[in-house]
Protein backbone atom coordinates (compact mmCIF):
# COMPACT_ATOMS: atom_id res chain seq x y z
CA UNK A 1 0.00 0.00 0.00
CA UNK A 2 1.45 3.37 -1.06
CA UNK A 3 2.13 5.78 1.78
CA UNK A 4 0.97 9.34 1.10
CA UNK A 5 3.18 12.01 2.60
CA UNK A 6 2.37 15.69 2.94
CA UNK A 7 4.52 18.27 1.09
CA UNK A 8 6.13 19.20 4.43
CA UNK A 9 7.03 15.56 5.14
CA UNK A 10 8.44 15.15 1.62
CA UNK A 11 10.58 18.26 2.01
CA UNK A 12 11.91 17.11 5.40
CA UNK A 13 12.60 13.68 3.92
CA UNK A 14 14.73 15.31 1.21
CA UNK A 15 17.17 16.67 3.80
CA UNK A 16 20.30 14.60 4.38
CA UNK A 17 21.17 15.23 8.00
CA UNK A 18 19.08 13.68 10.79
CA UNK A 19 19.78 16.83 12.80
CA UNK A 20 18.56 19.02 9.95
CA UNK A 21 15.38 16.99 9.66
CA UNK A 22 14.61 17.41 13.36
CA UNK A 23 15.28 21.14 13.26
CA UNK A 24 13.23 21.60 10.10
CA UNK A 25 10.22 19.81 11.62
CA UNK A 26 10.20 22.35 14.41
CA UNK A 27 10.68 25.30 12.04
CA UNK A 28 7.92 24.26 9.62
CA UNK A 29 5.65 23.54 12.55
CA UNK A 30 6.21 27.14 13.67
CA UNK A 31 5.22 28.29 10.18
CA UNK A 32 1.92 26.44 10.43
CA UNK A 33 1.31 27.80 13.93
CA UNK A 34 1.72 31.34 12.59
CA UNK A 35 -0.96 30.59 9.98
CA UNK A 36 -3.38 28.46 12.02
CA UNK A 37 -2.74 27.33 15.60
CA UNK A 38 -5.15 24.41 15.23
CA UNK A 39 -2.77 22.51 12.94
CA UNK A 40 0.77 21.14 12.85
CA UNK A 41 3.11 20.66 9.89
CA UNK A 42 1.92 17.10 9.15
CA UNK A 43 -1.84 17.71 9.14
CA UNK A 44 -2.05 21.18 7.62
CA UNK A 45 -3.67 21.38 4.18
CA UNK A 46 -0.79 22.78 2.14
CA UNK A 47 -3.02 23.20 -0.91
CA UNK A 48 -4.50 26.22 0.91
CA UNK A 49 -1.15 27.99 1.37
CA UNK A 50 -1.30 31.39 -0.34
CA UNK A 51 1.01 34.26 -1.15
CA UNK A 52 -0.76 36.27 1.57
CA UNK A 53 -0.17 33.49 4.13
CA UNK A 54 3.56 33.60 3.50
CA UNK A 55 3.66 37.38 3.85
CA UNK A 56 1.73 37.02 7.12
CA UNK A 57 4.35 34.57 8.44
CA UNK A 58 7.18 36.94 7.47
CA UNK A 59 5.38 39.85 9.13
CA UNK A 60 5.03 37.91 12.38
CA UNK A 61 8.70 36.96 12.27
CA UNK A 62 9.51 40.68 11.97
CA UNK A 63 7.29 41.37 14.98
CA UNK A 64 9.15 38.69 16.94
CA UNK A 65 12.38 40.56 16.08
CA UNK A 66 13.93 37.65 14.22
CA UNK A 67 17.18 38.36 12.40
CA UNK A 68 17.32 38.57 8.59
CA UNK A 69 19.16 35.23 8.51
CA UNK A 70 16.43 33.54 10.56
CA UNK A 71 13.65 35.03 8.45
CA UNK A 72 15.38 33.88 5.27
CA UNK A 73 15.73 30.38 6.69
CA UNK A 74 11.96 30.32 7.24
CA UNK A 75 11.34 31.64 3.73
CA UNK A 76 13.62 29.02 2.19
CA UNK A 77 11.79 26.25 4.05
CA UNK A 78 8.40 27.58 2.93
CA UNK A 79 9.57 27.64 -0.67
CA UNK A 80 10.89 24.09 -0.31
CA UNK A 81 7.54 22.83 0.96
CA UNK A 82 5.70 24.83 -1.71
CA UNK A 83 7.79 23.16 -4.41
CA UNK A 84 6.81 19.75 -3.08
CA UNK A 85 3.15 20.83 -3.05
CA UNK A 86 3.45 21.91 -6.70
CA UNK A 87 5.12 18.63 -7.67
CA UNK A 88 2.24 16.79 -6.01
CA UNK A 89 -0.19 18.93 -8.05
CA UNK A 90 -1.73 20.32 -4.88
CA UNK A 91 -1.19 23.94 -5.91
CA UNK A 92 -1.17 25.69 -9.26
CA UNK A 93 1.89 26.92 -11.11
CA UNK A 94 0.72 30.50 -10.55
CA UNK A 95 0.42 29.91 -6.78
CA UNK A 96 3.86 28.30 -6.71
CA UNK A 97 5.56 31.08 -8.71
CA UNK A 98 4.02 33.89 -6.66
CA UNK A 99 5.44 32.40 -3.46
CA UNK A 100 8.83 31.69 -5.07
CA UNK A 101 9.08 35.31 -6.21
CA UNK A 102 9.01 36.60 -2.62
CA UNK A 103 12.44 38.13 -2.14
CA UNK A 104 14.82 37.30 0.65
CA UNK A 105 15.16 39.82 3.46
CA UNK A 106 18.09 42.16 3.13
CA UNK A 107 20.21 43.01 6.09
CA UNK A 108 23.52 42.26 7.64
CA UNK A 109 24.16 39.11 9.57
CA UNK A 110 25.57 41.07 12.49
CA UNK A 111 24.51 39.46 15.72
CA UNK A 112 22.42 42.04 17.58
CA UNK A 113 21.87 40.27 20.89
CA UNK A 114 23.61 41.00 24.15
CA UNK A 115 26.16 39.32 26.35
CA UNK A 116 24.96 38.70 29.88
CA UNK A 117 27.17 39.27 32.90
CA UNK A 118 28.26 36.29 34.97
CA UNK A 119 26.18 37.72 37.83
CA UNK A 120 23.04 37.64 35.67
CA UNK A 121 23.64 34.03 34.68
CA UNK A 122 24.33 32.98 38.28
CA UNK A 123 21.21 34.81 39.37
CA UNK A 124 19.04 32.69 37.06
CA UNK A 125 20.70 29.42 38.07
CA UNK A 126 20.62 30.18 41.81
CA UNK A 127 17.00 31.26 41.55
CA UNK A 128 16.04 27.91 40.03
CA UNK A 129 17.99 25.97 42.65
CA UNK A 130 16.22 27.86 45.44
CA UNK A 131 12.84 26.49 44.34
CA UNK A 132 11.86 23.00 45.58
CA UNK A 133 10.87 20.31 43.10
CA UNK A 134 12.36 18.69 39.99
CA UNK A 135 11.11 21.27 37.46
CA UNK A 136 13.25 24.05 38.88
CA UNK A 137 16.30 21.74 39.12
CA UNK A 138 15.83 20.78 35.47
CA UNK A 139 15.52 24.42 34.44
CA UNK A 140 18.59 25.45 36.44
CA UNK A 141 20.60 22.64 34.86
CA UNK A 142 19.38 23.62 31.40
CA UNK A 143 20.40 27.26 31.84
CA UNK A 144 23.78 26.24 33.27
CA UNK A 145 24.57 23.91 30.35
CA UNK A 146 23.28 26.18 27.58
CA UNK A 147 25.68 28.83 28.87
CA UNK A 148 28.67 26.82 30.05
CA UNK A 149 28.75 24.43 27.08
CA UNK A 150 27.66 27.00 24.50
CA UNK A 151 24.66 24.96 23.41
CA UNK A 152 22.22 25.65 20.62
CA UNK A 153 18.58 25.11 21.64
CA UNK A 154 18.20 21.98 19.53
CA UNK A 155 21.45 20.59 20.95
CA UNK A 156 20.19 21.03 24.51
CA UNK A 157 16.83 19.42 23.71
CA UNK A 158 18.42 16.35 22.12
CA UNK A 159 21.11 15.64 24.74
CA UNK A 160 20.98 12.06 26.07
CA UNK A 161 21.82 11.44 29.72
CA UNK A 162 24.93 9.58 28.55
CA UNK A 163 26.31 12.80 27.02
CA UNK A 164 27.27 13.92 30.53
CA UNK A 165 30.43 12.38 31.96
CA UNK A 166 30.75 12.93 35.74
CA UNK A 167 34.24 11.41 35.80
CA UNK A 168 35.58 13.65 33.03
CA UNK A 169 33.39 16.61 34.01
CA UNK A 170 32.45 17.12 30.39
CA UNK A 171 29.54 17.11 27.97
CA UNK A 172 29.54 15.38 24.57
CA UNK A 173 27.49 17.40 22.07
CA UNK A 174 26.25 16.33 18.65
CA UNK A 175 26.01 19.53 16.65
CA UNK A 176 25.17 20.60 13.14
CA UNK A 177 26.31 18.26 10.39
CA UNK A 178 26.61 15.47 12.99
CA UNK A 179 29.84 17.03 14.24
CA UNK A 180 30.66 16.01 17.80
CA UNK A 181 32.46 18.19 20.29
CA UNK A 182 33.30 17.55 23.94
CA UNK A 183 33.18 20.60 26.19
CA UNK A 184 34.53 20.66 29.75
CA UNK A 185 32.33 21.79 32.63
CA UNK A 186 33.22 23.82 35.72
CA UNK A 187 32.77 22.42 39.22
CA UNK A 188 29.70 24.58 39.86
CA UNK A 189 28.02 23.38 36.68
CA UNK A 190 28.81 19.77 37.57
CA UNK A 191 27.08 20.31 40.93
CA UNK A 192 24.02 21.72 39.17
CA UNK A 193 23.92 18.79 36.72
CA UNK A 194 24.29 16.29 39.59
CA UNK A 195 21.37 17.90 41.46
CA UNK A 196 19.15 17.46 38.40
CA UNK A 197 20.46 13.94 37.72
CA UNK A 198 19.58 12.91 41.28
CA UNK A 199 16.05 14.24 40.81
CA UNK A 200 15.64 12.80 37.31
CA UNK A 201 17.04 9.35 38.04
CA UNK A 202 19.75 7.45 36.17
CA UNK A 203 17.52 5.72 33.60
CA UNK A 204 18.81 5.91 30.03
CA UNK A 205 17.06 8.49 27.87
CA UNK A 206 17.06 12.25 27.28
CA UNK A 207 18.93 14.39 29.77
CA UNK A 208 16.14 16.97 29.79
CA UNK A 209 12.71 15.39 30.06
CA UNK A 210 9.11 16.50 30.35
CA UNK A 211 7.63 16.74 33.83
CA UNK A 212 3.87 16.39 34.28
CA UNK A 213 1.63 17.68 37.05
CA UNK A 214 2.46 16.38 40.48
CA UNK A 215 6.17 16.44 39.59
CA UNK A 216 5.77 13.21 37.61
CA UNK A 217 8.99 12.79 35.66
CA UNK A 218 8.74 11.10 32.28
CA UNK A 219 11.41 9.91 29.85
CA UNK A 220 9.96 12.02 27.04
CA UNK A 221 12.34 14.63 25.59
CA UNK A 222 11.63 18.33 25.66
CA UNK A 223 11.66 20.30 22.40
CA UNK A 224 13.83 23.22 21.34
CA UNK A 225 10.71 25.38 21.74
CA UNK A 226 10.50 24.23 25.37
CA UNK A 227 14.14 25.21 25.85
CA UNK A 228 13.22 28.69 24.62
CA UNK A 229 10.17 28.94 26.87
CA UNK A 230 12.07 27.79 29.98
CA UNK A 231 14.86 30.33 29.58
CA UNK A 232 12.51 33.21 28.80
CA UNK A 233 10.27 32.33 31.75
CA UNK A 234 13.17 32.16 34.21
CA UNK A 235 14.86 35.40 33.13
CA UNK A 236 11.54 37.23 33.53
CA UNK A 237 10.99 35.72 36.98
CA UNK A 238 14.46 36.96 37.97
CA UNK A 239 13.67 40.47 36.77
CA UNK A 240 16.54 40.59 34.30
CA UNK A 241 16.72 42.86 31.26
CA UNK A 242 15.32 41.45 28.03
CA UNK A 243 17.31 38.56 26.61
CA UNK A 244 16.94 35.55 24.33
CA UNK A 245 18.21 31.99 24.84
CA UNK A 246 20.78 32.69 22.12
CA UNK A 247 22.26 35.33 24.43
CA UNK A 248 23.48 32.55 26.75
CA UNK A 249 25.46 31.01 23.88
CA UNK A 250 26.61 34.49 22.87
CA UNK A 251 27.76 35.12 26.45
CA UNK A 252 29.71 31.84 26.42
CA UNK A 253 31.75 33.02 23.42
CA UNK A 254 32.19 36.58 24.66
CA UNK A 255 33.35 35.55 28.14
CA UNK A 256 35.90 33.12 26.69
CA UNK A 257 37.27 35.87 24.46
CA UNK A 258 37.34 38.32 27.40
CA UNK A 259 39.52 35.77 29.17
CA UNK A 260 41.90 35.93 26.19
CA UNK A 261 41.01 32.50 24.90
CA UNK A 262 42.16 31.78 21.37
CA UNK A 263 39.46 32.45 18.76
CA UNK A 264 40.09 29.08 17.13
CA UNK A 265 39.49 27.31 20.46
CA UNK A 266 36.21 29.23 20.90
CA UNK A 267 35.22 28.20 17.36
CA UNK A 268 35.78 24.54 18.25
CA UNK A 269 33.89 24.79 21.55
CA UNK A 270 30.90 26.36 19.78
CA UNK A 271 30.87 23.82 16.96
CA UNK A 272 31.23 26.40 14.20
CA UNK A 273 32.50 25.39 10.76
CA UNK A 274 33.60 28.93 9.92
CA UNK A 275 35.66 31.30 12.02
CA UNK A 276 33.61 34.23 10.70
CA UNK A 277 30.53 32.77 12.38
CA UNK A 278 32.32 32.72 15.74
CA UNK A 279 33.39 36.35 15.32
CA UNK A 280 29.74 37.41 15.09
CA UNK A 281 29.19 36.22 18.66
CA UNK A 282 31.88 38.51 20.03
CA UNK A 283 30.13 41.19 22.14
CA UNK A 284 33.20 42.81 23.66
CA UNK A 285 32.50 45.88 21.49
CA UNK A 286 33.94 49.26 22.35
CA UNK A 287 35.68 48.03 25.49
CA UNK A 288 37.79 45.70 23.34
CA UNK A 289 38.71 48.56 21.00
CA UNK A 290 39.77 50.82 23.88
CA UNK A 291 41.99 48.14 25.39
CA UNK A 292 43.54 47.41 22.00
CA UNK A 293 44.19 51.09 21.35
CA UNK A 294 45.84 51.56 24.76
CA UNK A 295 48.09 48.58 24.09
CA UNK A 296 49.46 50.43 21.05
CA UNK A 297 49.86 53.73 22.89
CA UNK A 298 53.21 55.52 22.48
CA UNK A 299 52.83 57.40 25.74
């Protein structure tokens, strides 16, 4: 019996990397949620997708202050799904071409987030650890690892318990392109991870799991969207200035560079293929320029 896949499923299937497929599912699901919250990527009727729908999605991404690169990633995915819908004769050529003619967003790829202070990061972690129950311990551990291991959201969500090595005090991370990196952890972070591991239990499965009412711990993984929601919720509860989860990863890079760590080492720890990508995370700004200028002073 022939299995009928939706255009979104066909597009995801065309991707090579397992990591890319998982990330694209989440991204396309977000697209559908922007259009109609009652559906997900695999049950939405893609034959109804219109030029106006795509513009609506882009408008909402603007409102959410997404970067040009992020918006263009969404647009590329939408066009990929639209092409599959056209191939399946679900939409007309005119409908397909109108969507394909939507231009990419112009704008620099300069990273516009902020680098948090160590005090701000400790404030979030300590706040979580001061609250009884496994949910707060999980959230504190998540924040600690996203910062101290420089994790992407999808990397944090997909970590297995076995990625953490208590003996080596390190975390094994499977990043983009199935590239693995092993990042060391400080003693404080190890203590935070151990507190969550004691609450979670040592059963094999995801490191970060869903917790139901009554503090009932499951072995179901959280999503990258959950990672986002947890970090945003906790920074607001702590009364910190506006930030995004990406700012924790940005802070990781900036603090390493402030400590005079080699840029190539930072690149490796962040799992970047290109050194230019790592440079975009550097938030030392004017302070760095002043220090550099003083070092060249003839006085």
